[in-house]
Amino acid sequence: MKVCSLCGKEVETDKYFSRKSSCPKCGGDLHICLNCRFYSESSHNKCIETKAEFQRSREKANFCDYFVFREASSGSSGNVKEDAKKRLEDLFRKN
C-alpha cells in the first residue's frame, strides 16, 4: 500500500508513474523525497542512498533516479512518522 506523505491518504500508482504524478486526494506531488523509501530524517542529505544527489526541497517533485515509492505497512494509519515511532517503542518495550 502506498500512502501520500502530504495528506496521509492511500494512492494507487501504475507502471507509468512519473515525476509529474500527483495525489488524486490533495493534488500534491508524489515523486518527492518524503514518499521515497530512501528518505531518512537522520541521514546525511536526508537520504540513505549514498549516490543520490542533494535535493533542496523534500516536498516538491524532483528528478532523482533512485526514487522508489515507500510502501506503508497494511496496518498503517497513513502517518509514516507516527507508525515508525510506534514500531520503535514496541521494539524497546519490556515484556
N, C-alpha and C. Protein backbone atom coordinates (compact mmCIF):
# COMPACT_ATOMS: atom_id res chain seq x y z
N MET A 1 0.84 -1.17 0.00
CA MET A 1 0.00 0.00 0.00
C MET A 1 0.90 1.24 0.00
N LYS A 2 0.61 2.15 -0.92
CA LYS A 2 1.35 3.40 -0.99
C LYS A 2 0.51 4.51 -0.39
N VAL A 3 1.15 5.37 0.40
CA VAL A 3 0.44 6.44 1.10
C VAL A 3 1.12 7.77 0.79
N CYS A 4 0.33 8.77 0.44
CA CYS A 4 0.85 10.12 0.20
C CYS A 4 1.33 10.69 1.53
N SER A 5 2.57 11.13 1.58
CA SER A 5 3.11 11.67 2.83
C SER A 5 2.54 13.05 3.15
N LEU A 6 1.96 13.71 2.18
CA LEU A 6 1.43 15.06 2.40
C LEU A 6 0.04 15.04 3.03
N CYS A 7 -0.82 14.09 2.60
CA CYS A 7 -2.19 14.06 3.13
C CYS A 7 -2.50 12.79 3.92
N GLY A 8 -1.64 11.75 3.80
CA GLY A 8 -1.85 10.52 4.54
C GLY A 8 -2.85 9.57 3.91
N LYS A 9 -3.32 9.87 2.71
CA LYS A 9 -4.30 9.02 2.04
C LYS A 9 -3.61 8.01 1.15
N GLU A 10 -4.24 6.85 0.99
CA GLU A 10 -3.71 5.80 0.13
C GLU A 10 -3.80 6.23 -1.33
N VAL A 11 -2.74 5.93 -2.09
CA VAL A 11 -2.72 6.26 -3.51
C VAL A 11 -2.36 5.01 -4.31
N GLU A 12 -2.85 4.98 -5.54
CA GLU A 12 -2.51 3.88 -6.44
C GLU A 12 -1.63 4.43 -7.54
N THR A 13 -0.55 3.72 -7.83
CA THR A 13 0.32 4.12 -8.92
C THR A 13 0.43 2.94 -9.89
N ASP A 14 0.63 3.26 -11.15
CA ASP A 14 0.81 2.20 -12.13
C ASP A 14 2.24 2.20 -12.62
N LYS A 15 2.52 1.40 -13.63
CA LYS A 15 3.90 1.31 -14.13
C LYS A 15 4.35 2.57 -14.84
N TYR A 16 3.43 3.49 -15.12
CA TYR A 16 3.77 4.74 -15.79
C TYR A 16 3.91 5.91 -14.81
N PHE A 17 4.10 5.60 -13.54
CA PHE A 17 4.30 6.62 -12.51
C PHE A 17 5.48 7.50 -12.92
N SER A 18 5.27 8.80 -12.91
CA SER A 18 6.33 9.71 -13.35
C SER A 18 6.55 10.84 -12.35
N ARG A 19 7.53 11.69 -12.66
CA ARG A 19 7.83 12.84 -11.84
C ARG A 19 6.66 13.80 -11.75
N LYS A 20 5.82 13.82 -12.75
CA LYS A 20 4.70 14.74 -12.80
C LYS A 20 3.43 14.19 -12.13
N SER A 21 3.48 12.99 -11.61
CA SER A 21 2.30 12.39 -10.98
C SER A 21 1.92 13.16 -9.72
N SER A 22 0.62 13.26 -9.50
CA SER A 22 0.15 13.98 -8.31
C SER A 22 -0.89 13.14 -7.57
N CYS A 23 -1.06 13.44 -6.30
CA CYS A 23 -2.00 12.73 -5.45
C CYS A 23 -3.43 13.11 -5.88
N PRO A 24 -4.29 12.13 -6.12
CA PRO A 24 -5.66 12.45 -6.51
C PRO A 24 -6.47 13.06 -5.37
N LYS A 25 -6.02 12.91 -4.14
CA LYS A 25 -6.76 13.44 -2.98
C LYS A 25 -6.39 14.89 -2.68
N CYS A 26 -5.07 15.18 -2.57
CA CYS A 26 -4.63 16.54 -2.17
C CYS A 26 -4.01 17.33 -3.30
N GLY A 27 -3.67 16.67 -4.41
CA GLY A 27 -3.06 17.37 -5.54
C GLY A 27 -1.57 17.59 -5.40
N GLY A 28 -0.98 17.11 -4.30
CA GLY A 28 0.46 17.27 -4.09
C GLY A 28 1.27 16.36 -4.98
N ASP A 29 2.52 16.73 -5.21
CA ASP A 29 3.43 15.90 -6.00
C ASP A 29 3.67 14.58 -5.29
N LEU A 30 3.83 13.50 -6.07
CA LEU A 30 4.10 12.19 -5.47
C LEU A 30 5.57 11.79 -5.58
N HIS A 31 6.26 12.26 -6.61
CA HIS A 31 7.67 11.91 -6.80
C HIS A 31 8.51 12.87 -5.96
N ILE A 32 8.40 12.74 -4.63
CA ILE A 32 9.10 13.61 -3.68
C ILE A 32 9.88 12.77 -2.68
N CYS A 33 10.85 13.37 -2.08
CA CYS A 33 11.69 12.67 -1.09
C CYS A 33 10.85 12.05 0.03
N LEU A 34 9.85 12.78 0.51
CA LEU A 34 9.05 12.30 1.63
C LEU A 34 8.31 11.01 1.32
N ASN A 35 8.09 10.71 0.04
CA ASN A 35 7.42 9.47 -0.36
C ASN A 35 8.40 8.36 -0.74
N CYS A 36 9.68 8.64 -0.68
CA CYS A 36 10.69 7.67 -1.12
C CYS A 36 11.13 6.76 0.02
N ARG A 37 11.39 5.51 -0.31
CA ARG A 37 11.82 4.55 0.71
C ARG A 37 13.22 4.87 1.23
N PHE A 38 13.99 5.66 0.49
CA PHE A 38 15.33 6.01 0.92
C PHE A 38 15.37 7.26 1.80
N TYR A 39 14.26 7.96 1.95
CA TYR A 39 14.23 9.17 2.76
C TYR A 39 14.45 8.81 4.23
N SER A 40 15.34 9.55 4.87
CA SER A 40 15.63 9.34 6.28
C SER A 40 15.98 10.67 6.92
N GLU A 41 15.20 11.08 7.87
CA GLU A 41 15.39 12.36 8.55
C GLU A 41 16.77 12.46 9.19
N SER A 42 17.32 11.33 9.62
CA SER A 42 18.59 11.36 10.36
C SER A 42 19.82 11.11 9.50
N SER A 43 19.66 10.85 8.22
CA SER A 43 20.80 10.57 7.35
C SER A 43 21.38 11.82 6.72
N HIS A 44 22.61 11.71 6.26
CA HIS A 44 23.25 12.80 5.54
C HIS A 44 22.41 13.12 4.30
N ASN A 45 22.13 14.37 4.07
CA ASN A 45 21.27 14.82 2.97
C ASN A 45 19.86 14.23 3.05
N LYS A 46 19.51 13.67 4.20
CA LYS A 46 18.20 13.07 4.46
C LYS A 46 17.87 11.93 3.49
N CYS A 47 18.91 11.23 3.06
CA CYS A 47 18.73 10.12 2.12
C CYS A 47 19.73 9.02 2.43
N ILE A 48 19.26 7.77 2.50
CA ILE A 48 20.18 6.67 2.78
C ILE A 48 20.82 6.12 1.51
N GLU A 49 20.37 6.59 0.34
CA GLU A 49 21.02 6.22 -0.93
C GLU A 49 22.20 7.16 -1.11
N THR A 50 23.40 6.62 -0.99
CA THR A 50 24.61 7.44 -0.98
C THR A 50 24.92 8.08 -2.34
N LYS A 51 24.41 7.53 -3.42
CA LYS A 51 24.69 8.07 -4.75
C LYS A 51 23.70 9.14 -5.19
N ALA A 52 22.63 9.31 -4.45
CA ALA A 52 21.59 10.28 -4.82
C ALA A 52 22.11 11.70 -4.65
N GLU A 53 21.71 12.56 -5.57
CA GLU A 53 22.09 13.97 -5.49
C GLU A 53 21.26 14.68 -4.43
N PHE A 54 21.83 15.75 -3.87
CA PHE A 54 21.12 16.54 -2.87
C PHE A 54 19.88 17.17 -3.48
N GLN A 55 18.75 17.08 -2.78
CA GLN A 55 17.50 17.69 -3.20
C GLN A 55 17.19 18.83 -2.25
N ARG A 56 17.05 20.02 -2.78
CA ARG A 56 16.80 21.19 -1.95
C ARG A 56 15.44 21.12 -1.25
N SER A 57 14.42 20.70 -1.97
CA SER A 57 13.08 20.63 -1.40
C SER A 57 12.64 19.18 -1.28
N ARG A 58 12.17 18.78 -0.13
CA ARG A 58 11.72 17.40 0.10
C ARG A 58 10.24 17.22 -0.24
N GLU A 59 9.52 18.34 -0.44
CA GLU A 59 8.08 18.29 -0.66
C GLU A 59 7.66 18.64 -2.08
N LYS A 60 8.63 18.82 -2.97
CA LYS A 60 8.35 19.16 -4.36
C LYS A 60 8.93 18.08 -5.27
N ALA A 61 8.30 17.89 -6.43
CA ALA A 61 8.76 16.88 -7.38
C ALA A 61 10.22 17.11 -7.74
N ASN A 62 10.95 16.01 -7.93
CA ASN A 62 12.36 16.12 -8.29
C ASN A 62 12.71 15.08 -9.36
N PHE A 63 13.94 15.11 -9.82
CA PHE A 63 14.39 14.22 -10.89
C PHE A 63 15.27 13.08 -10.38
N CYS A 64 15.19 12.75 -9.10
CA CYS A 64 16.05 11.71 -8.53
C CYS A 64 15.81 10.37 -9.23
N ASP A 65 16.90 9.77 -9.72
CA ASP A 65 16.82 8.48 -10.41
C ASP A 65 16.67 7.31 -9.44
N TYR A 66 16.90 7.54 -8.17
CA TYR A 66 16.85 6.46 -7.18
C TYR A 66 15.50 6.37 -6.46
N PHE A 67 14.55 7.20 -6.85
CA PHE A 67 13.25 7.23 -6.17
C PHE A 67 12.55 5.88 -6.28
N VAL A 68 12.11 5.36 -5.12
CA VAL A 68 11.27 4.16 -5.02
C VAL A 68 10.17 4.50 -4.03
N PHE A 69 8.92 4.38 -4.48
CA PHE A 69 7.81 4.77 -3.62
C PHE A 69 7.80 3.91 -2.37
N ARG A 70 7.73 4.57 -1.23
CA ARG A 70 7.72 3.90 0.08
C ARG A 70 6.43 3.08 0.23
N GLU A 71 6.56 1.86 0.69
CA GLU A 71 5.40 1.02 0.97
C GLU A 71 5.05 1.14 2.45
N ALA A 72 3.82 1.49 2.74
CA ALA A 72 3.36 1.58 4.13
C ALA A 72 2.88 0.21 4.57
N SER A 73 3.01 -0.08 5.85
CA SER A 73 2.52 -1.36 6.36
C SER A 73 1.00 -1.40 6.26
N SER A 74 0.43 -2.57 6.12
CA SER A 74 -1.01 -2.71 5.91
C SER A 74 -1.83 -2.19 7.08
N GLY A 75 -1.26 -2.18 8.27
CA GLY A 75 -1.98 -1.68 9.44
C GLY A 75 -1.73 -0.21 9.70
N SER A 76 -1.10 0.45 8.77
CA SER A 76 -0.72 1.85 8.96
C SER A 76 -1.92 2.78 8.95
N SER A 77 -1.82 3.81 9.75
CA SER A 77 -2.88 4.81 9.80
C SER A 77 -2.67 5.87 8.74
N GLY A 78 -1.57 5.78 7.99
CA GLY A 78 -1.28 6.75 6.96
C GLY A 78 -0.22 7.75 7.39
N ASN A 79 0.07 7.84 8.67
CA ASN A 79 1.08 8.76 9.13
C ASN A 79 2.38 7.99 9.33
N VAL A 80 3.32 8.17 8.43
CA VAL A 80 4.55 7.39 8.42
C VAL A 80 5.38 7.63 9.68
N LYS A 81 5.49 8.89 10.12
CA LYS A 81 6.30 9.18 11.31
C LYS A 81 5.72 8.52 12.55
N GLU A 82 4.40 8.63 12.74
CA GLU A 82 3.78 8.01 13.92
C GLU A 82 3.91 6.50 13.88
N ASP A 83 3.77 5.91 12.69
CA ASP A 83 3.89 4.46 12.54
C ASP A 83 5.31 4.01 12.90
N ALA A 84 6.31 4.74 12.43
CA ALA A 84 7.71 4.40 12.73
C ALA A 84 7.99 4.54 14.23
N LYS A 85 7.46 5.59 14.84
CA LYS A 85 7.66 5.81 16.28
C LYS A 85 7.03 4.68 17.08
N LYS A 86 5.84 4.25 16.68
CA LYS A 86 5.17 3.14 17.37
C LYS A 86 5.98 1.86 17.27
N ARG A 87 6.52 1.57 16.07
CA ARG A 87 7.33 0.36 15.90
C ARG A 87 8.59 0.42 16.75
N LEU A 88 9.20 1.60 16.86
CA LEU A 88 10.39 1.77 17.68
C LEU A 88 10.07 1.55 19.16
N GLU A 89 8.96 2.13 19.62
CA GLU A 89 8.56 1.94 21.01
C GLU A 89 8.26 0.47 21.30
N ASP A 90 7.61 -0.22 20.37
CA ASP A 90 7.32 -1.64 20.53
C ASP A 90 8.60 -2.47 20.62
N LEU A 91 9.61 -2.04 19.86
CA LEU A 91 10.89 -2.75 19.86
C LEU A 91 11.57 -2.71 21.22
N PHE A 92 11.49 -1.56 21.89
CA PHE A 92 12.17 -1.40 23.18
C PHE A 92 11.27 -1.58 24.39
N ARG A 93 10.03 -1.93 24.16
CA ARG A 93 9.12 -2.17 25.28
C ARG A 93 9.54 -3.44 26.01
N LYS A 94 9.61 -3.35 27.32
CA LYS A 94 10.00 -4.51 28.12
C LYS A 94 8.76 -5.35 28.41
N ASN A 95 8.88 -6.63 28.20
CA ASN A 95 7.76 -7.56 28.46
C ASN A 95 7.96 -8.29 29.74
